[in-house]
Amino acid sequence: MKWPIVQLGDILSLEYGRALRKDARDQNGSTPVAGSNGIDGWHTQALVKGPGIVVGRKGSAGKVTWFDKDFWPIDTTYYVKPKIDCELRWIYYLLSYLQLDRLSIITGVPGLNRNDAYRVSFGLPPLSEQRRIVEILDQADELRKKRAEADAKAARILPALFYKMFGDPATNPKGWPTGPLSELANLQGGFAFKSNDFTQNGALLIRIGNLVNGTVRYDKKSAFLPKYFLEEFEKYVLLQGDLLVALTGATTGKLARYCCDLPALLNQRVGRFIPLEGKRETLDYLDFLMQTDYAQNYIWQYARGFGQPNIAPRQIESMAIPIPPEEMISKFSNLAQDILKNTTSQNTASSKIDNVFDVLLHRAFTGDLTAKWREAHMKEILSEMKDQAKVLKQANTFKPTRRRRRKAVK
């Protein structure tokens, strides 16, 4: 038995979010502000009643985020409005599986056209099978969340060590001399590689979406370039341990270390810190300094652009920071590297869990995951599918059609 093939526009609509400037938000509120890459702040009022789904429209175009409670989607996003009776959580997993980010239009800023999304086809299981799929995937997703919580606890160790050794850079309680960040490192921007150069494998292209929880992650959705680009664009080839920073979008200022087992090239909108005189231990100091409120507030103070903020590498290089003695930076680096070895093992475990989830996700939407369950509930499913077909037919019958404008008669 095969599921009926439908288009995304048959079952849902993608509604535009509404602008909400940072200075107009009440950060003391408990309502999440939904950006294209997830939570982008807090407010006291909601625009959409939860639970709900947000899809990135600009910036992290096509990224799908689930919200358990009421939320405010900003104007760089869409929020999902079902047209027929579907399990909302199933729609969330469906949108994740469809990889809408591949529909992004590269025109300086990635963007997702909802009309393109509406034409994407897929198999539509009956409601009871949707619920069974959600039950299985939710269990797997819970394992991912627990792993992420453990990673988050471990990630708090090094920032605490940084503050103990160097103090808050905003107040500089240790009395270190200060100077521009450029006294320790330069910040190199990436290259604007073209989407028609992308391949199925080869050299990993590091984009903002690859910066995840302080490290570089990649999966089947990631972009790759031909390996010969590593020689042609040698200037943008990454080294193990490189410190990267997002330079545009809702996640401007987000940091990650490159510790992948694949050769990689740096894309535009991502910057790389290059320490002066090859002193790589400086990167550990800058890594945790750039995570402080002082550095992040500086970045957002000078980030420009309405709806799609961005900051120039030179502006970050100009930031005034404490400059401790080299021996203090080296001591911190040695301690950090010992701790980061454990973090690398944790990241490997997280990647394995993510890969298992991706396999389950693929099986869920090809019908393999619930094949045995479907056989055991065939009578119930066939009845549901008849009712589902009627609902779809009725929904399509009342679809609004565009009227052609008649040419004026002269």
Protein backbone atom coordinates (compact mmCIF):
# COMPACT_ATOMS: atom_id res chain seq x y z
CA MET A 1 0.00 0.00 0.00
CA LYS A 2 1.37 3.39 -0.99
CA TRP A 3 0.60 6.76 0.52
CA PRO A 4 -1.09 9.31 -1.78
CA ILE A 5 1.34 11.84 -3.25
CA VAL A 6 0.50 15.46 -2.41
CA GLN A 7 2.23 18.82 -2.44
CA LEU A 8 3.17 20.82 0.62
CA GLY A 9 0.74 23.56 -0.34
CA ASP A 10 -2.11 21.02 -0.15
CA ILE A 11 -1.73 20.57 3.60
CA LEU A 12 -0.36 23.86 4.97
CA SER A 13 0.40 27.51 4.35
CA LEU A 14 3.52 29.43 5.33
CA GLU A 15 2.48 32.72 6.91
CA TYR A 16 4.76 35.74 7.18
CA GLY A 17 6.09 36.68 10.60
CA ARG A 18 6.01 40.28 11.81
CA ALA A 19 8.94 42.62 12.52
CA LEU A 20 9.81 43.23 16.17
CA ARG A 21 12.83 45.48 16.71
CA LYS A 22 15.20 44.57 19.53
CA ASP A 23 14.63 47.92 21.24
CA ALA A 24 10.86 47.28 21.20
CA ARG A 25 11.11 43.93 22.99
CA ASP A 26 10.68 43.37 26.71
CA GLN A 27 13.53 41.01 27.50
CA ASN A 28 11.96 40.29 30.90
CA GLY A 29 9.07 38.54 29.15
CA SER A 30 8.72 34.76 28.83
CA THR A 31 7.48 34.65 25.22
CA PRO A 32 10.19 33.50 22.80
CA VAL A 33 10.90 35.68 19.77
CA ALA A 34 11.39 33.29 16.85
CA GLY A 35 14.11 34.11 14.35
CA SER A 36 15.19 32.15 11.29
CA ASN A 37 17.72 30.20 13.37
CA GLY A 38 15.65 29.63 16.51
CA ILE A 39 15.04 31.80 19.59
CA ASP A 40 16.17 35.38 18.94
CA GLY A 41 15.18 36.97 22.25
CA TRP A 42 12.15 37.37 24.50
CA HIS A 43 9.02 39.49 24.75
CA THR A 44 5.83 39.79 26.82
CA GLN A 45 3.40 39.37 23.92
CA ALA A 46 2.90 36.56 21.41
CA LEU A 47 1.87 36.74 17.77
CA VAL A 48 1.07 33.03 17.32
CA LYS A 49 -0.48 30.58 19.75
CA GLY A 50 1.65 27.51 20.43
CA PRO A 51 2.60 24.84 19.90
CA GLY A 52 3.82 25.84 16.47
CA ILE A 53 6.48 25.61 13.79
CA VAL A 54 8.73 28.33 12.38
CA VAL A 55 10.59 28.08 9.07
CA GLY A 56 13.49 30.40 8.21
CA ARG A 57 12.67 32.75 5.34
CA LYS A 58 15.91 34.78 5.26
CA GLY A 59 19.31 34.08 6.76
CA SER A 60 19.03 30.44 7.83
CA ALA A 61 16.47 29.85 5.08
CA GLY A 62 14.55 26.60 5.38
CA LYS A 63 15.63 25.89 8.97
CA VAL A 64 12.75 24.40 10.96
CA THR A 65 12.16 25.16 14.66
CA TRP A 66 9.51 23.78 17.01
CA PHE A 67 7.94 25.92 19.75
CA ASP A 68 6.01 24.28 22.59
CA LYS A 69 4.31 27.50 23.68
CA ASP A 70 3.07 30.82 22.28
CA PHE A 71 5.71 32.73 20.30
CA TRP A 72 6.41 35.77 18.12
CA PRO A 73 7.87 34.94 14.67
CA ILE A 74 9.77 37.93 13.25
CA ASP A 75 9.70 39.06 9.63
CA THR A 76 12.65 36.89 8.54
CA THR A 77 10.51 33.80 9.15
CA TYR A 78 7.34 31.96 8.18
CA TYR A 79 5.09 30.19 10.64
CA VAL A 80 3.08 27.10 9.71
CA LYS A 81 -0.71 27.09 9.44
CA PRO A 82 -2.21 23.64 8.65
CA LYS A 83 -4.98 23.47 6.04
CA ILE A 84 -6.17 19.94 6.85
CA ASP A 85 -6.20 17.75 9.94
CA CYS A 86 -2.57 16.67 10.42
CA GLU A 87 -0.47 15.86 13.45
CA LEU A 88 1.46 19.13 13.94
CA ARG A 89 4.51 17.38 15.29
CA TRP A 90 4.51 15.16 12.17
CA ILE A 91 4.55 18.30 10.01
CA TYR A 92 7.59 19.47 11.95
CA TYR A 93 9.46 16.27 11.17
CA LEU A 94 8.25 16.36 7.56
CA LEU A 95 9.63 19.86 7.01
CA SER A 96 12.94 18.79 8.55
CA TYR A 97 13.07 15.82 6.19
CA LEU A 98 12.22 17.84 3.06
CA GLN A 99 15.33 20.02 3.47
CA LEU A 100 13.70 23.25 2.32
CA ASP A 101 17.06 25.00 2.65
CA ARG A 102 17.96 23.48 -0.72
CA LEU A 103 15.34 25.72 -2.29
CA SER A 104 17.13 28.81 -1.04
CA ILE A 105 17.74 31.51 -3.62
CA ILE A 106 21.24 32.91 -3.41
CA THR A 107 20.92 36.64 -4.08
CA GLY A 108 23.36 38.10 -1.59
CA VAL A 109 21.14 36.87 1.25
CA PRO A 110 19.73 33.33 1.24
CA GLY A 111 15.95 33.30 1.04
CA LEU A 112 13.14 30.76 0.84
CA ASN A 113 10.28 31.45 -1.57
CA ARG A 114 7.16 29.83 -0.10
CA ASN A 115 5.66 29.19 -3.55
CA ASP A 116 8.67 26.99 -4.31
CA ALA A 117 8.09 25.16 -1.03
CA TYR A 118 4.40 24.63 -1.81
CA ARG A 119 5.33 22.60 -4.93
CA VAL A 120 7.44 20.04 -3.04
CA SER A 121 5.82 16.58 -3.26
CA PHE A 122 5.75 13.79 -0.67
CA GLY A 123 3.67 10.83 0.52
CA LEU A 124 0.88 11.66 2.99
CA PRO A 125 0.20 8.92 5.58
CA PRO A 126 -3.16 8.75 7.39
CA LEU A 127 -3.50 10.52 10.74
CA SER A 128 -3.04 7.42 12.91
CA GLU A 129 0.19 6.55 11.11
CA GLN A 130 1.40 10.13 11.48
CA ARG A 131 0.95 9.72 15.23
CA ARG A 132 2.88 6.45 15.22
CA ILE A 133 5.75 8.12 13.30
CA VAL A 134 5.79 10.99 15.80
CA GLU A 135 5.88 8.54 18.72
CA ILE A 136 9.01 6.84 17.37
CA LEU A 137 10.81 10.00 16.29
CA ASP A 138 10.03 11.79 19.55
CA GLN A 139 11.72 8.98 21.48
CA ALA A 140 14.84 9.31 19.31
CA ASP A 141 14.72 13.10 19.56
CA GLU A 142 14.61 12.85 23.36
CA LEU A 143 17.96 11.04 23.28
CA ARG A 144 19.39 13.89 21.22
CA LYS A 145 18.11 16.42 23.75
CA LYS A 146 19.67 14.57 26.69
CA ARG A 147 22.98 14.41 24.85
CA ALA A 148 22.74 18.15 24.13
CA GLU A 149 22.02 18.88 27.81
CA ALA A 150 25.13 16.95 28.84
CA ASP A 151 27.16 18.86 26.25
CA ALA A 152 25.80 22.15 27.57
CA LYS A 153 26.86 21.33 31.15
CA ALA A 154 30.37 20.49 29.98
CA ALA A 155 30.49 23.69 27.93
CA ARG A 156 30.06 25.80 31.09
CA ILE A 157 33.37 24.63 32.59
CA LEU A 158 35.72 26.61 30.36
CA PRO A 159 33.88 29.95 30.53
CA ALA A 160 34.05 29.68 34.34
CA LEU A 161 37.79 29.05 34.12
CA PHE A 162 38.20 32.04 31.79
CA TYR A 163 36.51 34.42 34.24
CA LYS A 164 38.56 33.05 37.14
CA MET A 165 41.87 33.63 35.34
CA PHE A 166 41.15 36.86 33.44
CA GLY A 167 38.03 38.42 34.95
CA ASP A 168 35.20 40.15 33.09
CA PRO A 169 36.63 42.02 30.05
CA ALA A 170 33.99 44.70 30.55
CA THR A 171 35.52 45.77 33.89
CA ASN A 172 39.03 44.26 33.55
CA PRO A 173 39.41 43.63 37.32
CA LYS A 174 42.89 42.13 36.87
CA GLY A 175 44.12 45.43 35.43
CA TRP A 176 45.57 43.96 32.23
CA PRO A 177 46.69 46.47 29.57
CA THR A 178 44.07 46.98 26.87
CA GLY A 179 44.26 47.36 23.12
CA PRO A 180 42.39 46.48 19.92
CA LEU A 181 41.78 42.80 19.21
CA SER A 182 44.03 43.20 16.16
CA GLU A 183 47.03 43.18 18.54
CA LEU A 184 46.36 39.47 19.02
CA ALA A 185 44.78 38.34 15.75
CA ASN A 186 43.35 39.35 12.39
CA LEU A 187 39.87 38.37 11.25
CA GLN A 188 39.63 36.94 7.73
CA GLY A 189 36.31 36.84 5.87
CA GLY A 190 35.33 33.92 3.64
CA PHE A 191 34.86 33.70 -0.13
CA ALA A 192 31.53 34.00 -1.98
CA PHE A 193 31.44 30.54 -3.54
CA LYS A 194 28.65 29.99 -6.06
CA SER A 195 25.88 27.46 -5.48
CA ASN A 196 26.34 25.96 -8.95
CA ASP A 197 29.82 24.83 -7.83
CA PHE A 198 28.35 22.62 -5.08
CA THR A 199 28.91 18.86 -5.29
CA GLN A 200 27.69 15.78 -3.38
CA ASN A 201 31.01 15.36 -1.58
CA GLY A 202 34.54 16.74 -1.54
CA ALA A 203 35.64 19.76 0.49
CA LEU A 204 33.14 20.88 3.13
CA LEU A 205 31.93 24.46 2.68
CA ILE A 206 31.66 26.12 6.09
CA ARG A 207 28.51 28.24 6.22
CA ILE A 208 26.71 29.81 9.17
CA GLY A 209 24.46 26.77 9.49
CA ASN A 210 27.51 24.57 10.15
CA LEU A 211 28.34 26.48 13.35
CA VAL A 212 26.51 24.41 15.99
CA ASN A 213 27.01 24.55 19.77
CA GLY A 214 30.57 25.85 19.57
CA THR A 215 31.81 23.40 16.96
CA VAL A 216 31.49 22.73 13.23
CA ARG A 217 28.90 20.10 12.31
CA TYR A 218 28.00 18.68 8.92
CA ASP A 219 25.43 16.26 7.54
CA LYS A 220 23.78 15.31 4.26
CA LYS A 221 22.28 18.81 4.04
CA SER A 222 25.71 20.47 4.06
CA ALA A 223 27.31 22.00 0.98
CA PHE A 224 30.48 20.59 -0.58
CA LEU A 225 32.91 21.85 -3.21
CA PRO A 226 35.24 19.97 -5.59
CA LYS A 227 38.52 18.99 -3.91
CA TYR A 228 40.59 20.87 -6.47
CA PHE A 229 39.17 24.06 -4.93
CA LEU A 230 41.49 23.38 -1.97
CA GLU A 231 44.43 24.37 -4.17
CA GLU A 232 42.64 27.03 -6.18
CA PHE A 233 41.36 28.79 -3.04
CA GLU A 234 44.18 27.87 -0.65
CA LYS A 235 43.75 31.13 1.26
CA TYR A 236 40.33 29.95 2.50
CA VAL A 237 41.33 26.39 3.52
CA LEU A 238 40.71 25.84 7.25
CA LEU A 239 43.19 24.46 9.77
CA GLN A 240 42.33 22.17 12.67
CA GLY A 241 41.35 24.26 15.70
CA ASP A 242 40.50 27.41 13.73
CA LEU A 243 38.15 29.79 15.54
CA LEU A 244 35.19 30.88 13.40
CA VAL A 245 32.53 33.54 13.89
CA ALA A 246 29.23 34.28 12.12
CA LEU A 247 29.31 37.76 10.55
CA THR A 248 25.68 38.14 9.47
CA GLY A 249 22.11 37.11 10.22
CA ALA A 250 20.26 36.41 13.44
CA THR A 251 23.25 34.47 14.78
CA THR A 252 25.85 37.20 14.19
CA GLY A 253 28.64 36.70 16.72
CA LYS A 254 28.11 32.94 17.11
CA LEU A 255 31.42 31.10 17.49
CA ALA A 256 32.67 27.61 16.61
CA ARG A 257 35.93 25.69 16.46
CA TYR A 258 36.81 23.71 13.35
CA CYS A 259 37.74 20.15 14.40
CA CYS A 260 36.29 18.13 11.52
CA ASP A 261 37.73 15.08 9.77
CA LEU A 262 37.08 16.67 6.35
CA PRO A 263 39.05 19.37 4.50
CA ALA A 264 37.01 22.58 4.45
CA LEU A 265 36.77 25.99 2.83
CA LEU A 266 35.49 29.21 4.41
CA ASN A 267 32.32 30.70 2.92
CA GLN A 268 31.33 34.36 2.94
CA ARG A 269 29.49 35.61 6.04
CA VAL A 270 31.80 33.50 8.22
CA GLY A 271 35.06 34.89 9.62
CA ARG A 272 38.25 33.17 10.83
CA PHE A 273 40.60 34.50 13.52
CA ILE A 274 44.25 34.28 12.43
CA PRO A 275 46.62 34.78 15.43
CA LEU A 276 49.63 37.00 14.95
CA GLU A 277 53.03 35.33 14.65
CA GLY A 278 51.35 31.92 14.49
CA LYS A 279 50.64 31.80 18.24
CA ARG A 280 47.74 29.33 18.07
CA GLU A 281 47.23 29.32 21.86
CA THR A 282 45.81 32.84 21.45
CA LEU A 283 42.75 31.30 19.81
CA ASP A 284 41.70 29.65 23.08
CA TYR A 285 41.80 33.02 24.87
CA LEU A 286 39.87 34.75 22.07
CA ASP A 287 37.36 31.91 21.88
CA PHE A 288 36.09 32.49 25.40
CA LEU A 289 36.58 36.25 25.37
CA MET A 290 34.32 36.48 22.31
CA GLN A 291 31.62 34.51 24.16
CA THR A 292 31.39 37.07 26.98
CA ASP A 293 28.49 39.53 27.20
CA TYR A 294 31.01 42.32 26.67
CA ALA A 295 32.09 41.01 23.24
CA GLN A 296 28.62 39.95 22.13
CA ASN A 297 27.10 43.31 23.10
CA TYR A 298 29.88 45.06 21.15
CA ILE A 299 29.12 43.00 18.05
CA TRP A 300 25.40 43.74 18.16
CA GLN A 301 26.06 47.41 18.86
CA TYR A 302 27.98 47.73 15.59
CA ALA A 303 26.05 45.19 13.51
CA ARG A 304 24.30 47.00 10.66
CA GLY A 305 21.39 46.22 8.38
CA PHE A 306 17.64 46.11 8.98
CA GLY A 307 16.26 42.58 9.35
CA GLN A 308 19.62 41.05 8.35
CA PRO A 309 22.38 42.48 10.58
CA ASN A 310 26.02 42.06 9.66
CA ILE A 311 29.35 43.21 10.99
CA ALA A 312 32.62 43.81 9.14
CA PRO A 313 35.78 41.95 10.22
CA ARG A 314 37.59 45.28 10.69
CA GLN A 315 34.99 46.38 13.21
CA ILE A 316 35.61 43.29 15.34
CA GLU A 317 39.37 43.79 15.04
CA SER A 318 38.89 47.29 16.49
CA MET A 319 37.21 46.06 19.68
CA ALA A 320 39.15 47.06 22.78
CA ILE A 321 40.06 44.01 24.89
CA PRO A 322 42.31 43.16 27.86
CA ILE A 323 45.67 41.78 26.70
CA PRO A 324 47.14 39.53 29.41
CA PRO A 325 50.80 38.36 29.43
CA GLU A 326 51.66 35.61 26.97
CA GLU A 327 52.42 33.15 29.77
CA MET A 328 48.88 33.58 31.18
CA ILE A 329 47.34 32.98 27.76
CA SER A 330 49.54 29.87 27.30
CA LYS A 331 48.58 28.53 30.73
CA PHE A 332 44.88 28.97 29.95
CA SER A 333 45.35 27.33 26.55
CA ASN A 334 47.01 24.25 28.08
CA LEU A 335 44.16 23.82 30.56
CA ALA A 336 41.57 24.44 27.85
CA GLN A 337 43.08 21.86 25.51
CA ASP A 338 42.88 19.16 28.19
CA ILE A 339 39.21 19.91 28.71
CA LEU A 340 38.51 20.21 25.00
CA LYS A 341 39.79 16.66 24.40
CA ASN A 342 36.82 15.41 26.39
CA THR A 343 34.57 17.79 24.49
CA THR A 344 35.75 16.32 21.19
CA SER A 345 34.74 12.84 22.38
CA GLN A 346 31.34 14.19 23.37
CA ASN A 347 30.91 15.83 19.97
CA THR A 348 31.70 12.51 18.29
CA ALA A 349 29.01 10.81 20.37
CA SER A 350 26.56 13.59 19.50
CA SER A 351 27.30 13.20 15.79
CA LYS A 352 26.61 9.46 15.98
CA ILE A 353 23.26 10.08 17.66
CA ASP A 354 22.40 12.70 15.03
CA ASN A 355 23.28 10.26 12.24
CA VAL A 356 21.03 7.57 13.73
CA PHE A 357 18.20 10.09 13.94
CA ASP A 358 18.70 11.07 10.29
CA VAL A 359 18.37 7.40 9.29
CA LEU A 360 15.13 7.09 11.27
CA LEU A 361 13.84 10.31 9.71
CA HIS A 362 14.51 8.98 6.22
CA ARG A 363 12.81 5.66 6.97
CA ALA A 364 9.82 7.49 8.48
CA PHE A 365 9.02 9.37 5.28
CA THR A 366 9.75 6.54 2.88
CA GLY A 367 7.26 4.34 4.76
CA ASP A 368 9.82 1.79 6.01
CA LEU A 369 9.70 2.83 9.67
CA THR A 370 6.03 1.96 10.17
CA ALA A 371 5.67 -0.81 7.57
CA LYS A 372 4.94 -3.58 10.09
CA TRP A 373 2.62 -1.36 12.11
CA ARG A 374 0.77 -0.46 8.89
CA GLU A 375 0.18 -4.13 8.06
CA ALA A 376 -1.26 -4.73 11.54
CA HIS A 377 -3.69 -1.79 11.21
CA MET A 378 -4.58 -2.07 7.52
CA LYS A 379 -8.38 -1.94 7.93
CA GLU A 380 -8.25 1.19 10.07
CA ILE A 381 -5.74 2.86 7.74
CA LEU A 382 -7.75 2.20 4.56
CA SER A 383 -10.80 3.80 6.15
CA GLU A 384 -8.76 6.84 7.20
CA MET A 385 -7.25 7.19 3.74
CA LYS A 386 -10.71 7.33 2.14
CA ASP A 387 -11.74 10.13 4.49
CA GLN A 388 -8.40 11.86 3.90
CA ALA A 389 -8.89 11.74 0.12
CA LYS A 390 -12.29 13.42 0.46
CA VAL A 391 -10.82 16.21 2.60
CA LEU A 392 -7.99 16.79 0.12
CA LYS A 393 -10.39 16.83 -2.81
CA GLN A 394 -12.62 19.34 -1.06
CA ALA A 395 -9.64 21.52 -0.12
CA ASN A 396 -8.42 21.54 -3.73
CA THR A 397 -11.93 22.28 -5.02
CA PHE A 398 -12.04 25.55 -3.10
CA LYS A 399 -8.52 26.66 -3.95
CA PRO A 400 -8.57 30.28 -5.10
CA THR A 401 -7.51 30.75 -8.70
CA ARG A 402 -5.79 33.76 -10.16
CA ARG A 403 -7.87 35.77 -12.56
CA ARG A 404 -6.25 36.90 -15.71
CA ARG A 405 -6.37 40.60 -16.31
CA ARG A 406 -7.98 41.57 -19.57
CA LYS A 407 -6.10 43.95 -21.76
CA ALA A 408 -7.76 47.32 -22.05
CA VAL A 409 -9.42 47.90 -25.42
CA LYS A 410 -8.15 51.05 -27.06
